[in-house]
């Protein structure tokens, strides 16, 4: 399952699309989040999800709210 973020107009953007829109590379996100690049790749490919401690910082980095960041996730995995 891909991680999506809702954009204005109802279009859903994946975490990868949000990163690209923010002009960031996986390496940039990894450095700012203090994780390795493989973790960012796993988030973007739906292998794992960012843990709760990263939600606020990741939302700020991508210019979205935490609610938007988590919009496509079941509540029990957030």
Foldseek 3Di string as FASTA:
>chain_A
DFQWFADPPGDIHGLVRLCVVLVHDLCRVCVQQVHHSVVSVCCRVVVAHDDPVCQCVSCVSSVHHSCRRCVPPDPVRD
